[in-house]
Amino acid sequence: MEVGFVGLGVMGLPMARHLQQAGHRLHLWARRPESVAPFAGSDAVTHARPAALAAATEVTFTVVTASADVEQLALGAEGLIHGARPGWVHVDMSTIAPASARRIAAAFEARGAAMLDAPVSGGAQGAQDATLAIMVGGGADVLERLRPLLACLGRTIVHVGGSGAGQVAKACNQMIMVAAIEACAEAMHLANAHGVDLAAVRSALLGGSAASRVLEVMGERMVRRDFAAGIESRLHHKDFGILMDEAARLGAPLPIAAQVWQQLNALMAGGGGRDDTSALLRVLEAASGA
C-alpha cells in the first residue's frame, strides 16, 4: 500500500521502518527535514505539505505529541483533510483527548474518509520490537481492513469502541501504569529510609505478588539511579492532564490519580520533565530532605 507517516520520533521512526520492511511504500512529511534523513536512499517519498501526503496515500499514520498538534496536522490550512477522499484513512497513534479524536473523525467522515484513534502502550522498546499494544477507536470495518498494517506494529490489537474509545483506554492505561511507577518509587524510598539494599528489595518483590513489568523496568532504574529518559516524564504529565480534565468534565472521582498528578506536577516544577518518570523517586527524596 501507499502509506503516509508523520511523527518520526522515538516511537514513530521504528514503526515507520516496520511498515516499510513489510513492503509498503512510505510517504513522509516532517516539520524538520532532518527527521526524514533515515529514509534517504530508499523508495520513501517526502512531501512538502500534509495535504499532498494524504492525496498520495491510502492510509496515513500520525504519532505526534498533543491534541492541538494532531488537530492542526489533520484539519489545519494545509492539513491532511485537504488531501483526504472517500476510502482514505487517518490512523492517529498519538495520545490525545477523546474529544479531539471525535472532532477529527467527524470532519473526515464528512468527506467520506475515516479515522481510527489507535494509541499504543509498550514504549520505545515495544515500538522497536513491534510488540506494541494498540487500543483502537473507530469503525470496526475500517480496523479490519487495516489490521494487517497494525499487525506490523503491535502484538495486541483491540477494538475498544467508536471514535475516541481508543483514547479512553489509553487514559486508563496511563492511570494504572504511572500510579504503579509512583508506588514503586515510594517502596524504594521506604526501603532506602531503612537503609536496606534496594536491589535486594526489588529482587524479593519480583518473586511475589507485587511483581510487575513496572517494578522490573522502573524499579531497576531507581536502584541504579539511572533517570535518563526512556519516555520523558513530561509526556506522562501531558497524559495525566488529559485524564484529569476528563475526570473533572465527567464528575468522575479519581483520588489515586489525583495524588499521582500532584507528584508529576512536582517533578515538572523541579525541572525533571526531560527525565524518565522513574525520577518520581527524586520528588519523594526532595520532600523528605534526602
Protein backbone atom coordinates (compact mmCIF):
# COMPACT_ATOMS: atom_id res chain seq x y z
CA MET A 1 0.00 0.00 0.00
CA GLU A 2 0.92 3.66 -0.28
CA VAL A 3 1.30 4.57 3.40
CA GLY A 4 1.82 8.01 4.89
CA PHE A 5 3.69 8.57 8.14
CA VAL A 6 4.10 11.71 10.23
CA GLY A 7 6.00 11.77 13.52
CA LEU A 8 9.39 10.13 13.14
CA GLY A 9 10.43 10.38 16.77
CA VAL A 10 11.48 7.75 19.30
CA MET A 11 8.28 5.79 18.72
CA GLY A 12 7.43 6.72 15.16
CA LEU A 13 10.77 6.02 13.48
CA PRO A 14 10.87 2.27 14.22
CA MET A 15 7.15 1.99 13.48
CA ALA A 16 7.62 3.56 10.04
CA ARG A 17 10.54 1.23 9.38
CA HIS A 18 8.41 -1.82 10.20
CA LEU A 19 5.81 -0.71 7.65
CA GLN A 20 8.49 -0.17 5.03
CA GLN A 21 10.09 -3.54 5.74
CA ALA A 22 6.68 -5.16 5.26
CA GLY A 23 6.73 -3.93 1.66
CA HIS A 24 4.64 -0.77 1.89
CA ARG A 25 5.90 2.41 0.24
CA LEU A 26 6.25 5.24 2.71
CA HIS A 27 5.20 8.84 2.14
CA LEU A 28 6.66 11.21 4.71
CA TRP A 29 6.13 14.74 5.98
CA ALA A 30 8.09 16.35 8.80
CA ARG A 31 8.44 19.84 10.22
CA ARG A 32 12.18 19.26 10.50
CA PRO A 33 13.87 17.99 7.30
CA GLU A 34 16.46 16.03 9.29
CA SER A 35 13.68 13.77 10.61
CA VAL A 36 13.32 12.07 7.22
CA ALA A 37 17.10 11.55 6.77
CA PRO A 38 16.99 7.90 7.94
CA PHE A 39 14.96 7.08 4.83
CA ALA A 40 17.35 8.69 2.34
CA GLY A 41 18.20 6.31 -0.48
CA SER A 42 15.04 4.25 -0.02
CA ASP A 43 11.86 4.43 -2.09
CA ALA A 44 10.21 6.64 0.55
CA VAL A 45 8.67 9.83 -0.83
CA THR A 46 8.88 13.12 1.08
CA HIS A 47 6.08 15.66 0.67
CA ALA A 48 6.06 19.40 1.23
CA ARG A 49 2.64 19.55 2.88
CA PRO A 50 0.44 17.14 4.86
CA ALA A 51 -2.36 17.63 2.31
CA ALA A 52 -0.10 16.41 -0.50
CA LEU A 53 0.94 13.41 1.58
CA ALA A 54 -2.71 12.47 2.16
CA ALA A 55 -3.53 12.82 -1.53
CA ALA A 56 -0.74 10.38 -2.43
CA THR A 57 -1.67 7.70 0.12
CA GLU A 58 -4.36 5.20 1.03
CA VAL A 59 -3.76 5.50 4.76
CA THR A 60 -1.67 7.87 6.86
CA PHE A 61 -0.31 7.20 10.35
CA THR A 62 0.48 10.02 12.77
CA VAL A 63 2.43 9.83 16.05
CA VAL A 64 2.83 13.34 17.48
CA THR A 65 2.60 14.88 20.94
CA ALA A 66 -0.57 16.75 21.84
CA SER A 67 -4.21 17.21 20.89
CA ALA A 68 -3.56 20.62 19.35
CA ASP A 69 -0.71 19.16 17.23
CA VAL A 70 -2.93 16.41 15.84
CA GLU A 71 -5.84 18.77 15.15
CA GLN A 72 -3.57 21.20 13.29
CA LEU A 73 -1.94 18.40 11.32
CA ALA A 74 -5.29 16.88 10.40
CA LEU A 75 -7.57 19.90 9.99
CA GLY A 76 -5.27 22.93 9.54
CA ALA A 77 -4.95 25.08 6.43
CA GLU A 78 -2.53 22.58 4.82
CA GLY A 79 -3.75 19.60 6.81
CA LEU A 80 -4.39 16.02 5.85
CA ILE A 81 -8.10 16.65 5.37
CA HIS A 82 -7.43 18.67 2.22
CA GLY A 83 -5.98 15.57 0.55
CA ALA A 84 -8.48 13.12 2.01
CA ARG A 85 -11.04 11.40 -0.20
CA PRO A 86 -13.60 8.60 0.17
CA GLY A 87 -11.96 5.44 1.46
CA TRP A 88 -8.85 7.19 2.77
CA VAL A 89 -8.00 6.60 6.46
CA HIS A 90 -6.14 8.58 9.09
CA VAL A 91 -4.71 6.36 11.85
CA ASP A 92 -3.65 8.54 14.76
CA MET A 93 -1.44 6.70 17.23
CA SER A 94 -0.76 9.75 19.41
CA THR A 95 -2.16 10.10 22.93
CA ILE A 96 -4.74 12.89 22.80
CA ALA A 97 -8.07 13.86 24.34
CA PRO A 98 -11.02 11.66 23.35
CA ALA A 99 -12.98 14.78 22.33
CA SER A 100 -10.21 15.79 19.90
CA ALA A 101 -10.26 12.33 18.32
CA ARG A 102 -14.03 12.56 17.89
CA ARG A 103 -13.83 16.02 16.29
CA ILE A 104 -11.20 14.91 13.79
CA ALA A 105 -13.09 11.70 12.99
CA ALA A 106 -16.31 13.65 12.32
CA ALA A 107 -14.51 16.03 9.96
CA PHE A 108 -13.04 13.15 7.94
CA GLU A 109 -16.34 11.28 7.88
CA ALA A 110 -17.99 14.35 6.36
CA ARG A 111 -15.64 13.85 3.38
CA GLY A 112 -16.23 10.13 3.11
CA ALA A 113 -12.87 9.36 4.70
CA ALA A 114 -12.31 7.73 8.10
CA MET A 115 -10.19 7.94 11.21
CA LEU A 116 -9.03 5.42 13.77
CA ASP A 117 -7.70 6.67 17.08
CA ALA A 118 -5.17 3.97 17.91
CA PRO A 119 -2.88 4.98 20.80
CA VAL A 120 -0.28 2.48 21.90
CA SER A 121 1.41 1.13 25.00
CA GLY A 122 4.79 -0.54 25.17
CA GLY A 123 7.21 2.35 24.92
CA ALA A 124 10.22 2.70 22.68
CA GLN A 125 11.21 -0.93 23.15
CA GLY A 126 7.76 -2.09 22.09
CA ALA A 127 7.96 0.13 19.01
CA GLN A 128 11.36 -1.30 18.11
CA ASP A 129 10.25 -4.90 18.65
CA ALA A 130 6.81 -4.42 17.01
CA THR A 131 5.16 -5.70 20.18
CA LEU A 132 3.01 -2.65 21.00
CA ALA A 133 -0.48 -2.94 22.49
CA ILE A 134 -2.79 -0.95 20.21
CA MET A 135 -6.12 0.36 21.54
CA VAL A 136 -8.45 1.25 18.70
CA GLY A 137 -11.45 3.54 18.48
CA GLY A 138 -13.46 4.00 15.28
CA GLY A 139 -15.23 1.79 12.78
CA ALA A 140 -14.74 -1.95 13.25
CA ASP A 141 -14.85 -2.43 9.49
CA VAL A 142 -12.08 0.13 8.99
CA LEU A 143 -9.97 -1.62 11.61
CA GLU A 144 -10.39 -5.00 9.92
CA ARG A 145 -9.32 -3.51 6.60
CA LEU A 146 -6.16 -2.09 8.17
CA ARG A 147 -5.43 -4.86 10.68
CA PRO A 148 -2.55 -6.25 8.55
CA LEU A 149 -0.83 -2.85 8.76
CA LEU A 150 -1.33 -2.59 12.51
CA ALA A 151 -0.02 -6.15 12.87
CA CYS A 152 3.30 -4.84 11.55
CA LEU A 153 3.48 -2.62 14.63
CA GLY A 154 1.93 -4.47 17.53
CA ARG A 155 1.16 -7.81 19.08
CA THR A 156 -2.17 -6.91 20.71
CA ILE A 157 -4.79 -5.03 18.69
CA VAL A 158 -8.11 -4.44 20.46
CA HIS A 159 -11.17 -2.64 19.08
CA VAL A 160 -12.43 -0.75 22.12
CA GLY A 161 -15.41 1.05 20.54
CA GLY A 162 -16.38 4.08 18.50
CA SER A 163 -14.29 7.19 17.84
CA GLY A 164 -12.45 8.32 20.96
CA ALA A 165 -12.71 4.95 22.70
CA GLY A 166 -9.08 4.12 21.99
CA GLN A 167 -8.06 7.30 23.77
CA VAL A 168 -10.26 6.44 26.75
CA ALA A 169 -8.49 3.08 27.01
CA LYS A 170 -5.10 4.82 26.78
CA ALA A 171 -6.05 7.19 29.61
CA CYS A 172 -6.92 4.15 31.75
CA ASN A 173 -3.59 2.55 30.82
CA GLN A 174 -1.66 5.65 31.84
CA MET A 175 -3.51 5.90 35.15
CA ILE A 176 -2.57 2.36 36.12
CA MET A 177 0.98 2.48 34.81
CA VAL A 178 2.08 5.80 36.31
CA ALA A 179 0.36 5.02 39.62
CA ALA A 180 2.45 1.82 39.65
CA ILE A 181 5.60 3.87 39.00
CA GLU A 182 4.73 6.12 41.94
CA ALA A 183 4.08 3.06 44.14
CA CYS A 184 7.46 1.67 43.08
CA ALA A 185 9.15 4.96 43.96
CA GLU A 186 7.50 5.00 47.39
CA ALA A 187 8.60 1.41 48.06
CA MET A 188 12.19 2.21 47.08
CA HIS A 189 12.09 5.38 49.19
CA LEU A 190 10.85 3.48 52.25
CA ALA A 191 13.47 0.75 51.80
CA ASN A 192 16.17 3.38 51.48
CA ALA A 193 14.97 5.14 54.64
CA HIS A 194 15.50 1.85 56.47
CA GLY A 195 18.98 1.52 55.00
CA VAL A 196 18.04 -1.74 53.26
CA ASP A 197 19.69 -2.73 49.97
CA LEU A 198 17.33 -1.57 47.21
CA ALA A 199 18.45 -4.18 44.70
CA ALA A 200 17.68 -6.94 47.19
CA VAL A 201 14.24 -5.48 47.95
CA ARG A 202 13.40 -5.26 44.27
CA SER A 203 14.58 -8.85 43.72
CA ALA A 204 12.42 -10.07 46.62
CA LEU A 205 9.35 -8.21 45.37
CA LEU A 206 9.75 -9.56 41.84
CA GLY A 207 9.33 -13.05 43.28
CA GLY A 208 5.99 -12.27 44.90
CA SER A 209 2.57 -10.81 44.19
CA ALA A 210 3.99 -7.28 43.82
CA ALA A 211 5.86 -8.38 40.67
CA SER A 212 5.09 -6.32 37.58
CA ARG A 213 6.68 -5.02 34.43
CA VAL A 214 6.81 -1.58 36.06
CA LEU A 215 8.73 -2.90 39.05
CA GLU A 216 11.05 -4.82 36.75
CA VAL A 217 11.92 -1.87 34.50
CA MET A 218 11.32 1.24 36.58
CA GLY A 219 12.46 -0.37 39.80
CA GLU A 220 15.79 -1.21 38.19
CA ARG A 221 16.21 2.39 37.04
CA MET A 222 15.53 3.59 40.58
CA VAL A 223 18.02 1.12 42.04
CA ARG A 224 20.69 2.24 39.55
CA ARG A 225 19.55 5.88 39.80
CA ASP A 226 19.51 5.97 36.02
CA PHE A 227 16.90 8.62 35.26
CA ALA A 228 17.86 9.13 31.61
CA ALA A 229 14.62 9.20 29.70
CA GLY A 230 13.05 6.04 28.42
CA ILE A 231 9.92 8.07 27.84
CA GLU A 232 10.22 11.63 29.10
CA SER A 233 8.10 12.29 32.17
CA ARG A 234 6.66 15.43 30.56
CA LEU A 235 4.70 13.12 28.24
CA HIS A 236 3.14 11.25 31.14
CA HIS A 237 2.41 14.64 32.72
CA LYS A 238 0.64 15.65 29.50
CA ASP A 239 -1.35 12.41 29.52
CA PHE A 240 -2.42 12.95 33.14
CA GLY A 241 -3.55 16.45 32.22
CA ILE A 242 -5.89 14.90 29.66
CA LEU A 243 -7.33 12.31 32.01
CA MET A 244 -7.76 14.74 34.91
CA ASP A 245 -9.58 17.16 32.59
CA GLU A 246 -11.85 14.28 31.56
CA ALA A 247 -12.46 13.35 35.19
CA ALA A 248 -13.45 16.95 36.02
CA ARG A 249 -15.74 17.16 32.99
CA LEU A 250 -17.46 13.86 33.81
CA GLY A 251 -17.53 14.34 37.59
CA ALA A 252 -15.67 11.05 37.98
CA PRO A 253 -13.61 10.90 41.20
CA LEU A 254 -10.07 9.59 40.66
CA PRO A 255 -8.45 10.00 44.08
CA ILE A 256 -5.28 7.97 43.45
CA ALA A 257 -4.75 9.51 40.03
CA ALA A 258 -5.15 12.96 41.58
CA GLN A 259 -2.33 12.24 44.03
CA VAL A 260 -0.08 10.93 41.26
CA TRP A 261 -0.93 14.04 39.23
CA GLN A 262 0.39 16.21 42.07
CA GLN A 263 3.63 14.20 42.17
CA LEU A 264 4.03 14.66 38.42
CA ASN A 265 3.39 18.39 38.87
CA ALA A 266 6.17 18.49 41.46
CA LEU A 267 8.50 16.64 39.11
CA MET A 268 7.81 19.19 36.37
CA ALA A 269 8.28 22.11 38.78
CA GLY A 270 11.64 20.65 39.82
CA GLY A 271 12.88 20.65 36.22
CA GLY A 272 12.52 16.89 35.68
CA GLY A 273 10.32 16.98 32.60
CA ARG A 274 13.04 15.55 30.34
CA ASP A 275 13.91 12.77 32.81
CA ASP A 276 12.36 9.33 32.87
CA THR A 277 9.22 9.03 35.00
CA SER A 278 11.21 6.85 37.42
CA ALA A 279 12.53 10.23 38.62
CA LEU A 280 9.35 10.42 40.73
CA LEU A 281 11.69 8.92 43.34
CA ARG A 282 13.51 12.26 43.42
CA VAL A 283 10.27 14.08 44.29
CA LEU A 284 9.91 11.90 47.40
CA GLU A 285 13.55 12.42 48.32
CA ALA A 286 13.24 16.19 47.92
CA ALA A 287 10.14 16.24 50.14
CA SER A 288 11.95 14.38 52.90
CA GLY A 289 15.17 16.36 52.55
CA ALA A 290 17.09 13.30 51.43
